[in-house]
Every structure is written in C-alpha cells, then in structure tokens.
Amino acid sequence: MKRGVLIAALSCATAALFSLSLLTGPANFGPLESLRALVAGGDEAAAIILREIRLPRAILGTLVGFALGASGAALQGFLRNPLAEPGIIGVSATASLGAVLVFYTGLAGASLLALPAGALVGALAAVLILLSMAAGRASTLTLILSGVALTSLAGALTSLVLNLSPNPFASYEIIFWLLGSLKDRSMTHVAIALPLAAAGAALVFAAARALDALTLGEEGARSLGIDMRRARLLVVGGVALMVGAATAVAGAIGFVGLVMPHLLRPLTDRMPGSLLLPAGLGGACLLLAADIAVRVAIPGRELNVGVVTALIGAPFFLWLVARTRREAF
C-alpha cells in the first residue's frame, strides 16, 4: 500500500474514532446536539459535559496513543528488535514511581498538577540517566540494560511504597492509577502533555533518516555518514519525552507501542522512518477504540483502558515471541 494512502486512511479512522469518543458516555447526545454544544454552547449541561469531560479525554486518547505508537516504532527501528516497546527504556516505570510517591506523601490532593508533576519528575530522572548513557560511546546494549535496570529498580520501589502505605485508600488509588486511564482528565492535563509530546515527536522524526540507515547495522549507518551519538540522543530523548508525557497524564498504558508497529509494518516499505507516522496514527486509533470500549463494555461500570490494552497486547506479544522463535530455527 502506498504510504500516502495508508496515512490518509489512518487519519480518517482517527478522526472517526475521535468523533465517536465525543458521542460515547452515559449522557446520550446526538451528533448535531454535540456539535452545537462544542461550537456554540447550546444546552449548558451538554456544553459542560462535551467541553470539560469528553473533549479532553478524546484529545488525550489521540495524543497518548500517537506518542506510544510512534515511540514503539522508533525503538524497534533503533534497537533493531521487533519485541522492543516504550517500556523497555524504563521511563514508564520511573514516571509511575514519581506519581506513586506523590500519592504516598499526600501531595496528590493538594493540587491537580501535583500528580502529573510527580510523574514528570520521575520521567525526567530516567531521561537524565539515559541521556548520560547515550552521550558517550555507549552501545545499544548498554542503553537496553540501563532501561531494564531502571524498570526493575522503579518497580521494586513502587512495590515498597505500596507495602509501606499506611492508608488502604491511598494504596487503592495508587493501584488504580497504575492500571492506566483517561477518565476524569481535563484540558489542564492536555496542556501538560501536549508540548512535551510534541517536542519528543519532533526529536524522533528528526532521527528518521538515521533509523533507516540503522537497518544496515551501526557500522553501515556510520559509513553512510550517520552520527550515531546524535542519533542516540534524538531517539532516546524523543521517546523519553513522549512516554513520560503520556504516563504523566494517563498512567501506565502498555502494549500500544508494541502492537501497532507490527500490524502496520507490512503495509509500508518496512523502513523504520516510514513507519513512524503510521504507527503514531495507529496507536491513536487503538487507544481511542479501547477507551470507547471500556465505557460501553460493562453497563454502569467503567474499566481502566490499560487493562484492555494489556488484554490485547499480552497475547499478541506471546504470539510474536513464538513466531520469532520459529523463525530462528
């Protein structure tokens, strides 16, 4: 399939799911009533629901899904590993740890910004560690091992905080947030995530040529004039910013960055640089669809969207491992 046709199809699908997200919820509003509420105000109750509840949720579903999908495509190209996904570099785990510490200290109730700020501080710590690794002559293996170490340490500290939490309600809130959700988000969360995710996307897309060259290996990329140190900084910094921003506002949502690049790669020329935009749009489609599903799956009760993406992604990951194992023999 031509890349332009694929991007146009995914853009239309994203727009359709975005619109459907605005129409989905306990309060039933028709398309025309919803449009009037968004544009002209219309009925006051409808305007509040559409503008302050559903619109931020739909925007964040698109933004977070795009960030995770594009990050997954970038990491799979950079590491030349089809099983790579955004969580491998440890930013999701450290961002989650930062948010958990905000819950534990009681600061989460002080301000709406406290929770995403804590997550961003945790993500920033991971970014600084990873960039210090990427700045030298570190190999790709060093970055992977650093990410694994960060993930393990952050996971252990998160478990420690849960064990030490004196308040069972705080523990419940921590666990609920760790499952990932777009519920009860506002335009403030959009304002927090958007600039960081946009900056990260700019860095990753600037590394598209380097990602294509890396299909020949690091030595082959160097022979084509690629500055590997700059490429590492662009990819690691960009992915860290996008994943950190996504985790700060939506919690830990996994497998989006693993699933979409694999589904869309056969429809492209299989070059990592060509896959970045389709994978981002595909990630937005997947997360919007999952968020719509959690609102209608169980009447009167809403699931966490991170649970749905894990139910989709975990079997897919096992299938990938089995296929990779078969191809190795």
Protein backbone atom coordinates (compact mmCIF):
# COMPACT_ATOMS: atom_id res chain seq x y z
CA MET A 1 0.00 0.00 0.00
CA LYS A 2 1.25 3.48 -0.82
CA ARG A 3 2.32 5.40 2.26
CA GLY A 4 0.11 8.39 1.41
CA VAL A 5 -2.97 6.21 1.10
CA LEU A 6 -2.16 4.46 4.40
CA ILE A 7 -1.68 7.76 6.23
CA ALA A 8 -4.92 9.17 4.78
CA ALA A 9 -6.85 6.04 5.82
CA LEU A 10 -5.42 6.11 9.34
CA SER A 11 -6.13 9.85 9.63
CA CYS A 12 -9.75 9.29 8.66
CA ALA A 13 -10.03 6.40 11.13
CA THR A 14 -8.55 8.57 13.89
CA ALA A 15 -11.00 11.39 13.12
CA ALA A 16 -13.93 8.97 13.12
CA LEU A 17 -12.92 7.41 16.45
CA PHE A 18 -12.29 10.89 17.92
CA SER A 19 -15.84 11.89 16.96
CA LEU A 20 -17.25 8.63 18.33
CA SER A 21 -15.40 9.23 21.60
CA LEU A 22 -17.16 12.58 21.92
CA LEU A 23 -20.53 10.87 21.47
CA THR A 24 -19.92 7.99 23.88
CA GLY A 25 -20.93 8.22 27.52
CA PRO A 26 -23.81 7.85 29.99
CA ALA A 27 -25.41 11.08 28.74
CA ASN A 28 -26.76 10.49 25.24
CA PHE A 29 -26.30 13.44 22.91
CA GLY A 30 -26.89 13.28 19.19
CA PRO A 31 -24.23 14.40 16.69
CA LEU A 32 -25.91 17.76 15.97
CA GLU A 33 -26.54 18.48 19.65
CA SER A 34 -22.92 17.62 20.46
CA LEU A 35 -21.64 19.87 17.67
CA ARG A 36 -23.76 22.78 18.89
CA ALA A 37 -22.54 22.20 22.47
CA LEU A 38 -18.89 22.27 21.36
CA VAL A 39 -19.10 25.20 18.96
CA ALA A 40 -21.90 27.48 20.07
CA GLY A 41 -22.52 26.41 23.66
CA GLY A 42 -26.07 25.13 23.17
CA ASP A 43 -27.53 23.47 26.24
CA GLU A 44 -25.43 24.35 29.30
CA ALA A 45 -25.27 20.79 30.67
CA ALA A 46 -24.32 19.39 27.27
CA ALA A 47 -21.66 22.07 26.81
CA ILE A 48 -20.07 21.25 30.18
CA ILE A 49 -20.04 17.50 29.50
CA LEU A 50 -18.68 17.85 25.97
CA ARG A 51 -16.12 20.58 26.60
CA GLU A 52 -14.85 19.70 30.06
CA ILE A 53 -15.15 15.89 30.18
CA ARG A 54 -15.33 14.25 26.76
CA LEU A 55 -13.21 16.63 24.67
CA PRO A 56 -10.10 16.46 26.93
CA ARG A 57 -10.50 12.69 27.10
CA ALA A 58 -10.66 12.34 23.32
CA ILE A 59 -7.68 14.67 22.82
CA LEU A 60 -5.60 12.75 25.36
CA GLY A 61 -6.59 9.42 23.80
CA THR A 62 -5.28 10.68 20.46
CA LEU A 63 -2.17 12.28 21.96
CA VAL A 64 -1.17 9.41 24.25
CA GLY A 65 -1.90 6.77 21.61
CA PHE A 66 0.16 8.65 19.00
CA ALA A 67 3.06 9.09 21.42
CA LEU A 68 3.13 5.40 22.38
CA GLY A 69 2.72 4.13 18.81
CA ALA A 70 5.44 6.37 17.38
CA SER A 71 7.74 5.57 20.31
CA GLY A 72 7.35 1.86 19.72
CA ALA A 73 8.17 2.20 16.02
CA ALA A 74 11.22 4.34 16.82
CA LEU A 75 12.57 1.93 19.42
CA GLN A 76 12.04 -1.14 17.26
CA GLY A 77 13.97 0.55 14.46
CA PHE A 78 16.68 1.92 16.72
CA LEU A 79 17.27 -1.31 18.62
CA ARG A 80 16.60 -3.47 15.53
CA ASN A 81 14.45 -5.64 17.76
CA PRO A 82 10.82 -6.43 16.85
CA LEU A 83 9.99 -7.07 20.51
CA ALA A 84 11.03 -3.61 21.70
CA GLU A 85 8.38 -1.30 23.13
CA PRO A 86 8.39 2.06 25.00
CA GLY A 87 8.57 0.47 28.46
CA ILE A 88 11.95 -1.08 27.69
CA ILE A 89 13.88 2.12 28.43
CA GLY A 90 12.42 2.49 31.92
CA VAL A 91 10.70 5.85 31.54
CA SER A 92 7.19 4.46 32.15
CA ALA A 93 8.29 2.74 35.36
CA THR A 94 10.13 5.78 36.76
CA ALA A 95 7.25 8.11 35.84
CA SER A 96 4.88 5.74 37.65
CA LEU A 97 7.19 5.75 40.67
CA GLY A 98 7.14 9.56 40.75
CA ALA A 99 3.33 9.56 40.72
CA VAL A 100 3.17 6.85 43.40
CA LEU A 101 5.42 8.91 45.68
CA VAL A 102 3.05 11.87 45.25
CA PHE A 103 0.17 9.61 46.34
CA TYR A 104 2.19 8.27 49.28
CA THR A 105 3.17 11.70 50.60
CA GLY A 106 -0.38 13.02 50.33
CA LEU A 107 0.54 15.74 47.85
CA ALA A 108 -1.86 14.37 45.22
CA GLY A 109 -4.78 16.05 46.97
CA ALA A 110 -3.05 19.42 47.22
CA SER A 111 -3.26 20.33 43.55
CA LEU A 112 -4.47 18.97 40.23
CA LEU A 113 -0.93 19.44 38.93
CA ALA A 114 0.78 17.50 41.74
CA LEU A 115 0.27 14.04 40.26
CA PRO A 116 1.44 14.75 36.69
CA ALA A 117 4.28 16.86 38.09
CA GLY A 118 5.47 13.91 40.19
CA ALA A 119 5.29 11.61 37.18
CA LEU A 120 7.22 14.11 35.06
CA VAL A 121 9.94 14.39 37.71
CA GLY A 122 10.27 10.60 37.70
CA ALA A 123 10.42 10.57 33.89
CA LEU A 124 13.00 13.37 33.94
CA ALA A 125 15.24 11.33 36.23
CA ALA A 126 15.12 8.45 33.74
CA VAL A 127 15.79 10.84 30.84
CA LEU A 128 18.89 12.25 32.52
CA ILE A 129 20.26 8.79 33.26
CA LEU A 130 19.58 7.51 29.74
CA LEU A 131 20.96 10.62 28.04
CA SER A 132 24.12 10.38 30.12
CA MET A 133 24.47 6.83 28.82
CA ALA A 134 23.73 7.80 25.23
CA ALA A 135 26.04 10.82 25.25
CA GLY A 136 29.22 8.76 25.29
CA ARG A 137 30.25 5.86 23.10
CA ALA A 138 27.72 3.59 24.74
CA SER A 139 26.41 0.69 22.72
CA THR A 140 22.77 -0.08 22.13
CA LEU A 141 23.09 -2.99 24.55
CA THR A 142 24.20 -0.56 27.27
CA LEU A 143 21.03 1.50 26.77
CA ILE A 144 18.84 -1.60 26.91
CA LEU A 145 20.50 -2.83 30.09
CA SER A 146 20.19 0.63 31.64
CA GLY A 147 16.47 0.66 30.81
CA VAL A 148 15.98 -2.81 32.28
CA ALA A 149 17.80 -1.75 35.45
CA LEU A 150 15.70 1.42 35.76
CA THR A 151 12.48 -0.56 35.25
CA SER A 152 13.45 -3.15 37.87
CA LEU A 153 14.51 -0.54 40.43
CA ALA A 154 11.43 1.62 39.89
CA GLY A 155 9.16 -1.44 40.10
CA ALA A 156 10.80 -2.55 43.35
CA LEU A 157 10.48 0.93 44.88
CA THR A 158 6.84 1.15 43.78
CA SER A 159 6.13 -2.18 45.48
CA LEU A 160 7.93 -0.93 48.60
CA VAL A 161 5.75 2.18 48.70
CA LEU A 162 2.63 0.03 48.38
CA ASN A 163 3.82 -2.16 51.26
CA LEU A 164 4.60 0.82 53.47
CA SER A 165 1.44 2.79 52.69
CA PRO A 166 -0.44 3.24 55.98
CA ASN A 167 -3.68 4.17 54.23
CA PRO A 168 -5.53 1.42 52.33
CA PHE A 169 -7.41 4.07 50.35
CA ALA A 170 -4.10 5.53 49.16
CA SER A 171 -2.99 2.04 48.12
CA TYR A 172 -6.22 1.63 46.15
CA GLU A 173 -5.68 4.97 44.40
CA ILE A 174 -2.08 4.01 43.56
CA ILE A 175 -3.11 0.66 42.07
CA PHE A 176 -5.99 2.27 40.16
CA TRP A 177 -3.66 4.88 38.64
CA LEU A 178 -1.06 2.27 37.72
CA LEU A 179 -3.68 0.46 35.61
CA GLY A 180 -3.86 3.46 33.26
CA SER A 181 -6.95 5.53 32.50
CA LEU A 182 -8.19 8.58 30.58
CA LYS A 183 -11.13 9.11 32.91
CA ASP A 184 -11.64 12.45 34.72
CA ARG A 185 -8.95 14.30 32.76
CA SER A 186 -9.18 17.99 31.91
CA MET A 187 -7.71 20.47 29.47
CA THR A 188 -5.04 21.13 32.10
CA HIS A 189 -3.74 17.61 31.52
CA VAL A 190 -3.76 18.27 27.78
CA ALA A 191 -1.75 21.46 28.33
CA ILE A 192 0.80 19.49 30.38
CA ALA A 193 1.26 16.61 27.93
CA LEU A 194 0.95 18.32 24.55
CA PRO A 195 4.16 20.43 24.48
CA LEU A 196 6.31 17.62 25.87
CA ALA A 197 4.89 15.02 23.48
CA ALA A 198 5.25 17.43 20.54
CA ALA A 199 8.89 18.11 21.43
CA GLY A 200 9.56 14.38 21.73
CA ALA A 201 7.88 13.67 18.39
CA ALA A 202 9.99 16.38 16.72
CA LEU A 203 13.18 14.72 18.01
CA VAL A 204 12.13 11.25 16.91
CA PHE A 205 11.05 12.35 13.43
CA ALA A 206 14.35 14.22 13.06
CA ALA A 207 16.07 10.84 13.52
CA ALA A 208 14.04 9.12 10.74
CA ARG A 209 16.97 9.02 8.29
CA ALA A 210 19.26 7.57 10.96
CA LEU A 211 16.68 4.90 11.78
CA ASP A 212 16.53 3.89 8.11
CA ALA A 213 20.33 3.73 7.94
CA LEU A 214 20.44 1.56 11.08
CA THR A 215 18.76 -1.27 9.18
CA LEU A 216 22.30 -1.87 7.84
CA GLY A 217 23.74 -2.03 11.37
CA GLU A 218 25.66 0.62 13.29
CA GLU A 219 28.80 0.27 11.17
CA GLY A 220 26.76 0.50 7.98
CA ALA A 221 24.98 3.61 9.31
CA ARG A 222 28.31 5.26 10.14
CA SER A 223 29.56 4.53 6.63
CA LEU A 224 26.55 6.49 5.32
CA GLY A 225 27.56 9.49 7.40
CA ILE A 226 25.18 9.00 10.32
CA ASP A 227 26.36 10.45 13.63
CA MET A 228 25.42 7.63 15.99
CA ARG A 229 25.88 9.73 19.11
CA ARG A 230 23.41 12.33 17.78
CA ALA A 231 21.01 9.60 16.65
CA ARG A 232 21.01 8.01 20.11
CA LEU A 233 20.34 11.36 21.77
CA LEU A 234 17.47 12.14 19.39
CA VAL A 235 15.76 8.76 19.72
CA VAL A 236 16.26 8.26 23.45
CA GLY A 237 15.40 11.86 24.31
CA GLY A 238 12.37 11.92 22.00
CA VAL A 239 10.95 8.60 23.17
CA ALA A 240 11.54 9.53 26.81
CA LEU A 241 9.69 12.83 26.40
CA MET A 242 6.72 11.23 24.64
CA VAL A 243 6.42 8.28 27.02
CA GLY A 244 6.99 10.47 30.08
CA ALA A 245 4.27 12.91 28.99
CA ALA A 246 1.85 10.06 28.24
CA THR A 247 2.46 8.34 31.58
CA ALA A 248 2.20 11.61 33.50
CA VAL A 249 -1.39 12.20 32.41
CA ALA A 250 -2.74 8.71 31.72
CA GLY A 251 -0.80 6.33 33.95
CA ALA A 252 0.90 3.19 32.70
CA ILE A 253 -0.68 2.05 29.41
CA GLY A 254 1.21 -0.80 27.84
CA PHE A 255 1.47 -2.70 24.55
CA VAL A 256 0.21 0.10 22.24
CA GLY A 257 3.79 0.74 21.11
CA LEU A 258 4.36 -2.97 20.55
CA VAL A 259 1.19 -3.88 18.66
CA MET A 260 0.72 -1.07 16.15
CA PRO A 261 4.18 -1.06 14.50
CA HIS A 262 3.82 -4.79 13.84
CA LEU A 263 0.34 -4.51 12.41
CA LEU A 264 1.25 -1.64 10.09
CA ARG A 265 4.79 -2.59 9.05
CA PRO A 266 3.63 -4.99 6.27
CA LEU A 267 1.61 -2.10 4.77
CA THR A 268 4.71 0.12 4.42
CA ASP A 269 8.12 -0.30 2.78
CA ARG A 270 9.28 -1.73 6.15
CA MET A 271 11.73 1.13 6.70
CA PRO A 272 11.61 2.44 10.30
CA GLY A 273 11.45 6.09 9.24
CA SER A 274 8.41 5.44 7.03
CA LEU A 275 6.64 3.66 9.87
CA LEU A 276 6.81 6.46 12.47
CA LEU A 277 3.75 8.46 11.36
CA PRO A 278 1.53 5.44 10.51
CA ALA A 279 2.41 3.80 13.85
CA GLY A 280 1.57 7.01 15.70
CA LEU A 281 -1.80 7.32 13.97
CA GLY A 282 -2.44 3.61 14.50
CA GLY A 283 -1.64 3.99 18.20
CA ALA A 284 -4.13 6.86 18.42
CA CYS A 285 -6.79 4.66 16.75
CA LEU A 286 -6.11 1.75 19.09
CA LEU A 287 -6.23 3.81 22.28
CA LEU A 288 -9.35 5.73 21.21
CA ALA A 289 -11.07 2.45 20.34
CA ALA A 290 -10.03 0.88 23.65
CA ASP A 291 -11.24 3.93 25.58
CA ILE A 292 -14.60 3.78 23.83
CA ALA A 293 -14.82 0.05 24.58
CA VAL A 294 -14.22 0.50 28.33
CA ARG A 295 -17.16 2.90 28.51
CA VAL A 296 -19.66 0.53 26.91
CA ALA A 297 -18.34 -2.96 27.78
CA ILE A 298 -19.94 -3.15 31.24
CA PRO A 299 -23.06 -1.00 31.72
CA GLY A 300 -22.80 1.18 34.79
CA ARG A 301 -19.13 0.44 35.34
CA GLU A 302 -16.01 1.59 33.54
CA LEU A 303 -12.85 -0.47 33.10
CA ASN A 304 -9.36 1.01 33.03
CA VAL A 305 -8.11 1.40 29.48
CA GLY A 306 -4.71 -0.02 30.46
CA VAL A 307 -6.42 -3.31 31.30
CA VAL A 308 -7.93 -3.53 27.80
CA THR A 309 -4.66 -2.73 26.01
CA ALA A 310 -2.92 -5.38 28.13
CA LEU A 311 -5.60 -7.95 27.26
CA ILE A 312 -4.97 -7.18 23.58
CA GLY A 313 -1.21 -6.81 23.79
CA ALA A 314 -0.13 -9.69 26.04
CA PRO A 315 -1.41 -12.49 23.75
CA PHE A 316 -0.02 -10.57 20.77
CA PHE A 317 3.38 -10.38 22.47
CA LEU A 318 3.37 -14.14 23.15
CA TRP A 319 2.49 -14.77 19.50
CA LEU A 320 5.42 -12.58 18.44
CA VAL A 321 7.81 -14.45 20.72
CA ALA A 322 6.61 -17.80 19.35
CA ARG A 323 6.93 -16.58 15.75
CA THR A 324 10.41 -15.20 16.38
CA ARG A 325 11.42 -18.50 17.96
CA ARG A 326 10.13 -20.47 14.95
CA GLU A 327 11.99 -18.21 12.52
CA ALA A 328 15.22 -18.67 14.47
CA PHE A 329 15.24 -22.42 13.70
